[in-house]
Amino acid sequence: NFKKGKNAFAGSGVNLAALDVATDSGAVDSNVSNNVIV
């Protein structure tokens, strides 16, 4: 549930603040999270 565009740890606002665990963590856009993806 690291929402892109909404969460600082997903790289929103400043891309260098992104965490390793947060990037590509199932959130495909800024309004959707908790998606289960392959």
All heavy atoms as atom14 arrays in JSON, in Angstrom:
{
  "sequence": "NFKKGKNAFAGSGVNLAALDVATDSGAVDSNVSNNVIV",
  "atom14_mask": [
    [1, 1, 1, 1, 1, 1, 1, 1, 0, 0, 0, 0, 0, 0],
    [1, 1, 1, 1, 1, 1, 1, 1, 1, 1, 1, 0, 0, 0],
    [1, 1, 1, 1, 1, 1, 1, 1, 1, 0, 0, 0, 0, 0],
    [1, 1, 1, 1, 1, 1, 1, 1, 1, 0, 0, 0, 0, 0],
    [1, 1, 1, 1, 0, 0, 0, 0, 0, 0, 0, 0, 0, 0],
    [1, 1, 1, 1, 1, 1, 1, 1, 1, 0, 0, 0, 0, 0],
    [1, 1, 1, 1, 1, 1, 1, 1, 0, 0, 0, 0, 0, 0],
    [1, 1, 1, 1, 1, 0, 0, 0, 0, 0, 0, 0, 0, 0],
    [1, 1, 1, 1, 1, 1, 1, 1, 1, 1, 1, 0, 0, 0],
    [1, 1, 1, 1, 1, 0, 0, 0, 0, 0, 0, 0, 0, 0],
    [1, 1, 1, 1, 0, 0, 0, 0, 0, 0, 0, 0, 0, 0],
    [1, 1, 1, 1, 1, 1, 0, 0, 0, 0, 0, 0, 0, 0],
    [1, 1, 1, 1, 0, 0, 0, 0, 0, 0, 0, 0, 0, 0],
    [1, 1, 1, 1, 1, 1, 1, 0, 0, 0, 0, 0, 0, 0],
    [1, 1, 1, 1, 1, 1, 1, 1, 0, 0, 0, 0, 0, 0],
    [1, 1, 1, 1, 1, 1, 1, 1, 0, 0, 0, 0, 0, 0],
    [1, 1, 1, 1, 1, 0, 0, 0, 0, 0, 0, 0, 0, 0],
    [1, 1, 1, 1, 1, 0, 0, 0, 0, 0, 0, 0, 0, 0],
    [1, 1, 1, 1, 1, 1, 1, 1, 0, 0, 0, 0, 0, 0],
    [1, 1, 1, 1, 1, 1, 1, 1, 0, 0, 0, 0, 0, 0],
    [1, 1, 1, 1, 1, 1, 1, 0, 0, 0, 0, 0, 0, 0],
    [1, 1, 1, 1, 1, 0, 0, 0, 0, 0, 0, 0, 0, 0],
    [1, 1, 1, 1, 1, 1, 1, 0, 0, 0, 0, 0, 0, 0],
    [1, 1, 1, 1, 1, 1, 1, 1, 0, 0, 0, 0, 0, 0],
    [1, 1, 1, 1, 1, 1, 0, 0, 0, 0, 0, 0, 0, 0],
    [1, 1, 1, 1, 0, 0, 0, 0, 0, 0, 0, 0, 0, 0],
    [1, 1, 1, 1, 1, 0, 0, 0, 0, 0, 0, 0, 0, 0],
    [1, 1, 1, 1, 1, 1, 1, 0, 0, 0, 0, 0, 0, 0],
    [1, 1, 1, 1, 1, 1, 1, 1, 0, 0, 0, 0, 0, 0],
    [1, 1, 1, 1, 1, 1, 0, 0, 0, 0, 0, 0, 0, 0],
    [1, 1, 1, 1, 1, 1, 1, 1, 0, 0, 0, 0, 0, 0],
    [1, 1, 1, 1, 1, 1, 1, 0, 0, 0, 0, 0, 0, 0],
    [1, 1, 1, 1, 1, 1, 0, 0, 0, 0, 0, 0, 0, 0],
    [1, 1, 1, 1, 1, 1, 1, 1, 0, 0, 0, 0, 0, 0],
    [1, 1, 1, 1, 1, 1, 1, 1, 0, 0, 0, 0, 0, 0],
    [1, 1, 1, 1, 1, 1, 1, 0, 0, 0, 0, 0, 0, 0],
    [1, 1, 1, 1, 1, 1, 1, 1, 0, 0, 0, 0, 0, 0],
    [1, 1, 1, 1, 1, 1, 1, 0, 0, 0, 0, 0, 0, 0]
  ],
  "atom14_positions": [
    [[0.81, -1.22, 0.0], [0.0, 0.0, 0.0], [0.85, 1.27, 0.0], [0.45, 2.29, 0.54], [-0.97, 0.0, 1.18], [-0.26, 0.03, 2.53], [0.96, -0.09, 2.6], [-1.01, 0.21, 3.6], [0.0, 0.0, 0.0], [0.0, 0.0, 0.0], [0.0, 0.0, 0.0], [0.0, 0.0, 0.0], [0.0, 0.0, 0.0], [0.0, 0.0, 0.0]],
    [[2.04, 1.19, -0.62], [2.84, 2.4, -0.83], [2.3, 3.08, -2.1], [2.72, 2.77, -3.21], [4.32, 2.06, -1.01], [4.99, 1.53, 0.23], [5.02, 0.17, 0.49], [5.61, 2.39, 1.11], [5.65, -0.32, 1.62], [6.26, 1.92, 2.24], [6.27, 0.56, 2.5], [0.0, 0.0, 0.0], [0.0, 0.0, 0.0], [0.0, 0.0, 0.0]],
    [[1.4, 4.0, -1.95], [0.74, 4.61, -3.11], [1.69, 5.55, -3.85], [2.24, 6.48, -3.26], [-0.5, 5.38, -2.67], [-1.66, 4.5, -2.25], [-2.91, 5.34, -2.02], [-4.1, 4.46, -1.66], [-5.33, 5.26, -1.47], [0.0, 0.0, 0.0], [0.0, 0.0, 0.0], [0.0, 0.0, 0.0], [0.0, 0.0, 0.0], [0.0, 0.0, 0.0]],
    [[1.85, 5.31, -5.13], [2.67, 6.2, -5.95], [1.99, 7.56, -6.05], [0.78, 7.65, -6.27], [2.85, 5.6, -7.33], [3.65, 4.31, -7.34], [3.83, 3.76, -8.74], [4.65, 2.5, -8.74], [4.81, 1.92, -10.1], [0.0, 0.0, 0.0], [0.0, 0.0, 0.0], [0.0, 0.0, 0.0], [0.0, 0.0, 0.0], [0.0, 0.0, 0.0]],
    [[2.78, 8.61, -5.87], [2.24, 9.95, -5.92], [1.66, 10.42, -4.61], [1.34, 11.61, -4.47], [0.0, 0.0, 0.0], [0.0, 0.0, 0.0], [0.0, 0.0, 0.0], [0.0, 0.0, 0.0], [0.0, 0.0, 0.0], [0.0, 0.0, 0.0], [0.0, 0.0, 0.0], [0.0, 0.0, 0.0], [0.0, 0.0, 0.0], [0.0, 0.0, 0.0]],
    [[1.5, 9.52, -3.64], [0.9, 9.86, -2.36], [1.81, 9.6, -1.16], [1.58, 10.16, -0.09], [-0.39, 9.05, -2.17], [-1.46, 9.3, -3.21], [-2.07, 10.69, -3.08], [-3.24, 10.89, -4.03], [-3.86, 12.21, -3.9], [0.0, 0.0, 0.0], [0.0, 0.0, 0.0], [0.0, 0.0, 0.0], [0.0, 0.0, 0.0], [0.0, 0.0, 0.0]],
    [[2.81, 8.75, -1.35], [3.64, 8.32, -0.23], [5.1, 8.69, -0.47], [5.66, 8.38, -1.53], [3.51, 6.81, -0.01], [4.16, 6.34, 1.27], [5.37, 6.21, 1.35], [3.34, 6.09, 2.29], [0.0, 0.0, 0.0], [0.0, 0.0, 0.0], [0.0, 0.0, 0.0], [0.0, 0.0, 0.0], [0.0, 0.0, 0.0], [0.0, 0.0, 0.0]],
    [[5.72, 9.36, 0.51], [7.11, 9.81, 0.35], [8.05, 8.64, 0.16], [9.02, 8.72, -0.6], [7.52, 10.63, 1.57], [0.0, 0.0, 0.0], [0.0, 0.0, 0.0], [0.0, 0.0, 0.0], [0.0, 0.0, 0.0], [0.0, 0.0, 0.0], [0.0, 0.0, 0.0], [0.0, 0.0, 0.0], [0.0, 0.0, 0.0], [0.0, 0.0, 0.0]],
    [[7.78, 7.5, 0.87], [8.68, 6.36, 0.79], [8.55, 5.61, -0.55], [9.34, 4.72, -0.83], [8.41, 5.39, 1.94], [8.78, 5.96, 3.29], [7.98, 5.73, 4.39], [9.93, 6.71, 3.44], [8.33, 6.24, 5.64], [10.29, 7.24, 4.67], [9.49, 7.0, 5.78], [0.0, 0.0, 0.0], [0.0, 0.0, 0.0], [0.0, 0.0, 0.0]],
    [[7.55, 5.96, -1.34], [7.43, 5.41, -2.69], [8.13, 6.3, -3.71], [8.05, 6.05, -4.92], [5.96, 5.25, -3.06], [0.0, 0.0, 0.0], [0.0, 0.0, 0.0], [0.0, 0.0, 0.0], [0.0, 0.0, 0.0], [0.0, 0.0, 0.0], [0.0, 0.0, 0.0], [0.0, 0.0, 0.0], [0.0, 0.0, 0.0], [0.0, 0.0, 0.0]],
    [[8.83, 7.36, -3.25], [9.54, 8.26, -4.15], [8.73, 9.45, -4.56], [9.16, 10.22, -5.45], [0.0, 0.0, 0.0], [0.0, 0.0, 0.0], [0.0, 0.0, 0.0], [0.0, 0.0, 0.0], [0.0, 0.0, 0.0], [0.0, 0.0, 0.0], [0.0, 0.0, 0.0], [0.0, 0.0, 0.0], [0.0, 0.0, 0.0], [0.0, 0.0, 0.0]],
    [[7.57, 9.64, -3.96], [6.74, 10.8, -4.31], [7.36, 12.07, -3.72], [7.85, 12.06, -2.59], [5.32, 10.61, -3.76], [4.78, 9.39, -4.22], [0.0, 0.0, 0.0], [0.0, 0.0, 0.0], [0.0, 0.0, 0.0], [0.0, 0.0, 0.0], [0.0, 0.0, 0.0], [0.0, 0.0, 0.0], [0.0, 0.0, 0.0], [0.0, 0.0, 0.0]],
    [[7.31, 13.14, -4.45], [7.91, 14.39, -3.99], [9.39, 14.45, -4.28], [9.86, 15.35, -4.98], [0.0, 0.0, 0.0], [0.0, 0.0, 0.0], [0.0, 0.0, 0.0], [0.0, 0.0, 0.0], [0.0, 0.0, 0.0], [0.0, 0.0, 0.0], [0.0, 0.0, 0.0], [0.0, 0.0, 0.0], [0.0, 0.0, 0.0], [0.0, 0.0, 0.0]],
    [[10.14, 13.5, -3.78], [11.59, 13.4, -4.01], [11.91, 11.95, -4.31], [11.69, 11.07, -3.47], [12.39, 13.88, -2.78], [13.86, 13.59, -2.95], [12.17, 15.38, -2.56], [0.0, 0.0, 0.0], [0.0, 0.0, 0.0], [0.0, 0.0, 0.0], [0.0, 0.0, 0.0], [0.0, 0.0, 0.0], [0.0, 0.0, 0.0], [0.0, 0.0, 0.0]],
    [[12.4, 11.67, -5.5], [12.6, 10.27, -5.9], [13.66, 9.56, -5.07], [13.61, 8.35, -4.88], [12.92, 10.18, -7.39], [14.38, 10.46, -7.7], [15.23, 9.56, -7.71], [14.7, 11.73, -7.98], [0.0, 0.0, 0.0], [0.0, 0.0, 0.0], [0.0, 0.0, 0.0], [0.0, 0.0, 0.0], [0.0, 0.0, 0.0], [0.0, 0.0, 0.0]],
    [[14.62, 10.32, -4.5], [15.69, 9.7, -3.73], [15.22, 9.21, -2.36], [15.93, 8.45, -1.69], [16.85, 10.68, -3.55], [17.73, 10.89, -4.78], [18.72, 12.02, -4.54], [18.46, 9.61, -5.14], [0.0, 0.0, 0.0], [0.0, 0.0, 0.0], [0.0, 0.0, 0.0], [0.0, 0.0, 0.0], [0.0, 0.0, 0.0], [0.0, 0.0, 0.0]],
    [[14.04, 9.62, -1.91], [13.51, 9.15, -0.62], [12.84, 7.79, -0.73], [12.37, 7.24, 0.27], [12.52, 10.17, -0.06], [0.0, 0.0, 0.0], [0.0, 0.0, 0.0], [0.0, 0.0, 0.0], [0.0, 0.0, 0.0], [0.0, 0.0, 0.0], [0.0, 0.0, 0.0], [0.0, 0.0, 0.0], [0.0, 0.0, 0.0], [0.0, 0.0, 0.0]],
    [[12.79, 7.2, -1.92], [12.13, 5.92, -2.12], [12.87, 4.8, -1.39], [14.11, 4.73, -1.44], [12.04, 5.6, -3.61], [0.0, 0.0, 0.0], [0.0, 0.0, 0.0], [0.0, 0.0, 0.0], [0.0, 0.0, 0.0], [0.0, 0.0, 0.0], [0.0, 0.0, 0.0], [0.0, 0.0, 0.0], [0.0, 0.0, 0.0], [0.0, 0.0, 0.0]],
    [[12.13, 3.96, -0.72], [12.71, 2.8, -0.05], [12.78, 1.62, -1.01], [11.97, 1.48, -1.92], [11.86, 2.41, 1.16], [11.62, 3.47, 2.23], [10.81, 2.87, 3.38], [12.93, 4.06, 2.73], [0.0, 0.0, 0.0], [0.0, 0.0, 0.0], [0.0, 0.0, 0.0], [0.0, 0.0, 0.0], [0.0, 0.0, 0.0], [0.0, 0.0, 0.0]],
    [[13.73, 0.74, -0.75], [13.85, -0.47, -1.57], [12.59, -1.3, -1.49], [12.09, -1.82, -2.5], [15.05, -1.29, -1.11], [15.13, -2.64, -1.8], [15.61, -2.7, -2.94], [14.72, -3.65, -1.17], [0.0, 0.0, 0.0], [0.0, 0.0, 0.0], [0.0, 0.0, 0.0], [0.0, 0.0, 0.0], [0.0, 0.0, 0.0], [0.0, 0.0, 0.0]],
    [[12.03, -1.44, -0.3], [10.86, -2.29, -0.11], [9.6, -1.66, -0.67], [8.6, -2.36, -0.94], [10.67, -2.61, 1.39], [10.2, -1.38, 2.16], [9.72, -3.77, 1.6], [0.0, 0.0, 0.0], [0.0, 0.0, 0.0], [0.0, 0.0, 0.0], [0.0, 0.0, 0.0], [0.0, 0.0, 0.0], [0.0, 0.0, 0.0], [0.0, 0.0, 0.0]],
    [[9.6, -0.35, -0.88], [8.39, 0.36, -1.28], [8.19, 0.4, -2.78], [7.06, 0.47, -3.26], [8.41, 1.78, -0.73], [0.0, 0.0, 0.0], [0.0, 0.0, 0.0], [0.0, 0.0, 0.0], [0.0, 0.0, 0.0], [0.0, 0.0, 0.0], [0.0, 0.0, 0.0], [0.0, 0.0, 0.0], [0.0, 0.0, 0.0], [0.0, 0.0, 0.0]],
    [[9.27, 0.39, -3.54], [9.14, 0.57, -4.98], [8.51, -0.67, -5.62], [8.84, -1.8, -5.27], [10.51, 0.83, -5.61], [11.42, -0.21, -5.24], [11.07, 2.15, -5.15], [0.0, 0.0, 0.0], [0.0, 0.0, 0.0], [0.0, 0.0, 0.0], [0.0, 0.0, 0.0], [0.0, 0.0, 0.0], [0.0, 0.0, 0.0], [0.0, 0.0, 0.0]],
    [[7.6, -0.44, -6.53], [6.9, -1.5, -7.26], [6.14, -2.42, -6.32], [5.99, -3.62, -6.57], [7.88, -2.33, -8.09], [8.78, -1.47, -8.96], [8.26, -0.52, -9.56], [9.99, -1.74, -9.02], [0.0, 0.0, 0.0], [0.0, 0.0, 0.0], [0.0, 0.0, 0.0], [0.0, 0.0, 0.0], [0.0, 0.0, 0.0], [0.0, 0.0, 0.0]],
    [[5.6, -1.87, -5.22], [4.95, -2.69, -4.21], [3.45, -2.79, -4.43], [2.65, -2.44, -3.58], [5.22, -2.14, -2.8], [4.65, -2.97, -1.81], [0.0, 0.0, 0.0], [0.0, 0.0, 0.0], [0.0, 0.0, 0.0], [0.0, 0.0, 0.0], [0.0, 0.0, 0.0], [0.0, 0.0, 0.0], [0.0, 0.0, 0.0], [0.0, 0.0, 0.0]],
    [[3.06, -3.27, -5.59], [1.67, -3.56, -5.85], [0.78, -2.38, -6.15], [-0.38, -2.56, -6.49], [0.0, 0.0, 0.0], [0.0, 0.0, 0.0], [0.0, 0.0, 0.0], [0.0, 0.0, 0.0], [0.0, 0.0, 0.0], [0.0, 0.0, 0.0], [0.0, 0.0, 0.0], [0.0, 0.0, 0.0], [0.0, 0.0, 0.0], [0.0, 0.0, 0.0]],
    [[1.28, -1.16, -6.01], [0.46, 0.03, -6.27], [0.7, 0.5, -7.7], [1.75, 1.03, -8.02], [0.8, 1.14, -5.28], [0.0, 0.0, 0.0], [0.0, 0.0, 0.0], [0.0, 0.0, 0.0], [0.0, 0.0, 0.0], [0.0, 0.0, 0.0], [0.0, 0.0, 0.0], [0.0, 0.0, 0.0], [0.0, 0.0, 0.0], [0.0, 0.0, 0.0]],
    [[-0.28, 0.29, -8.57], [-0.07, 0.57, -9.98], [-0.34, 2.03, -10.35], [0.09, 2.5, -11.39], [-0.96, -0.35, -10.86], [-0.53, -1.78, -10.7], [-2.42, -0.21, -10.49], [0.0, 0.0, 0.0], [0.0, 0.0, 0.0], [0.0, 0.0, 0.0], [0.0, 0.0, 0.0], [0.0, 0.0, 0.0], [0.0, 0.0, 0.0], [0.0, 0.0, 0.0]],
    [[-1.08, 2.75, -9.53], [-1.27, 4.17, -9.77], [-1.55, 4.87, -8.45], [-1.56, 4.24, -7.39], [-2.4, 4.43, -10.79], [-3.73, 3.87, -10.32], [-4.12, 4.12, -9.16], [-4.38, 3.18, -11.12], [0.0, 0.0, 0.0], [0.0, 0.0, 0.0], [0.0, 0.0, 0.0], [0.0, 0.0, 0.0], [0.0, 0.0, 0.0], [0.0, 0.0, 0.0]],
    [[-1.77, 6.16, -8.52], [-1.88, 6.94, -7.29], [-3.15, 6.68, -6.51], [-3.25, 7.03, -5.33], [-1.79, 8.44, -7.63], [-2.86, 8.79, -8.5], [0.0, 0.0, 0.0], [0.0, 0.0, 0.0], [0.0, 0.0, 0.0], [0.0, 0.0, 0.0], [0.0, 0.0, 0.0], [0.0, 0.0, 0.0], [0.0, 0.0, 0.0], [0.0, 0.0, 0.0]],
    [[-4.14, 6.09, -7.13], [-5.43, 5.9, -6.46], [-5.69, 4.46, -6.03], [-6.71, 4.18, -5.41], [-6.56, 6.36, -7.4], [-6.46, 7.83, -7.73], [-6.25, 8.65, -6.85], [-6.58, 8.15, -9.01], [0.0, 0.0, 0.0], [0.0, 0.0, 0.0], [0.0, 0.0, 0.0], [0.0, 0.0, 0.0], [0.0, 0.0, 0.0], [0.0, 0.0, 0.0]],
    [[-4.82, 3.55, -6.41], [-5.06, 2.13, -6.14], [-3.87, 1.55, -5.39], [-2.72, 1.8, -5.72], [-5.27, 1.35, -7.46], [-5.52, -0.12, -7.17], [-6.45, 1.93, -8.24], [0.0, 0.0, 0.0], [0.0, 0.0, 0.0], [0.0, 0.0, 0.0], [0.0, 0.0, 0.0], [0.0, 0.0, 0.0], [0.0, 0.0, 0.0], [0.0, 0.0, 0.0]],
    [[-4.15, 0.75, -4.36], [-3.12, -0.01, -3.67], [-3.72, -1.33, -3.23], [-4.89, -1.62, -3.49], [-2.57, 0.78, -2.47], [-3.61, 1.0, -1.54], [0.0, 0.0, 0.0], [0.0, 0.0, 0.0], [0.0, 0.0, 0.0], [0.0, 0.0, 0.0], [0.0, 0.0, 0.0], [0.0, 0.0, 0.0], [0.0, 0.0, 0.0], [0.0, 0.0, 0.0]],
    [[-2.92, -2.15, -2.57], [-3.34, -3.47, -2.12], [-3.63, -4.42, -3.28], [-4.29, -5.45, -3.08], [-4.56, -3.39, -1.2], [-4.3, -2.53, 0.02], [-3.35, -2.75, 0.76], [-5.14, -1.51, 0.22], [0.0, 0.0, 0.0], [0.0, 0.0, 0.0], [0.0, 0.0, 0.0], [0.0, 0.0, 0.0], [0.0, 0.0, 0.0], [0.0, 0.0, 0.0]],
    [[-3.21, -4.09, -4.48], [-3.36, -5.02, -5.6], [-2.42, -6.19, -5.43], [-1.26, -6.02, -5.03], [-3.04, -4.33, -6.93], [-4.13, -3.4, -7.37], [-5.27, -3.52, -6.94], [-3.78, -2.45, -8.24], [0.0, 0.0, 0.0], [0.0, 0.0, 0.0], [0.0, 0.0, 0.0], [0.0, 0.0, 0.0], [0.0, 0.0, 0.0], [0.0, 0.0, 0.0]],
    [[-2.88, -7.37, -5.75], [-2.01, -8.55, -5.81], [-1.59, -8.73, -7.25], [-2.44, -8.89, -8.14], [-2.71, -9.82, -5.29], [-1.78, -11.02, -5.42], [-3.15, -9.63, -3.85], [0.0, 0.0, 0.0], [0.0, 0.0, 0.0], [0.0, 0.0, 0.0], [0.0, 0.0, 0.0], [0.0, 0.0, 0.0], [0.0, 0.0, 0.0], [0.0, 0.0, 0.0]],
    [[-0.31, -8.67, -7.49], [0.2, -8.77, -8.86], [1.27, -9.87, -8.94], [1.87, -10.25, -7.94], [0.8, -7.43, -9.33], [2.0, -7.04, -8.45], [-0.25, -6.34, -9.35], [2.76, -5.83, -8.96], [0.0, 0.0, 0.0], [0.0, 0.0, 0.0], [0.0, 0.0, 0.0], [0.0, 0.0, 0.0], [0.0, 0.0, 0.0], [0.0, 0.0, 0.0]],
    [[1.47, -10.37, -10.14], [2.59, -11.26, -10.42], [3.75, -10.38, -10.85], [3.75, -9.85, -11.96], [2.25, -12.29, -11.51], [3.46, -13.17, -11.82], [1.06, -13.14, -11.1], [0.0, 0.0, 0.0], [0.0, 0.0, 0.0], [0.0, 0.0, 0.0], [0.0, 0.0, 0.0], [0.0, 0.0, 0.0], [0.0, 0.0, 0.0], [0.0, 0.0, 0.0]]
  ]
}
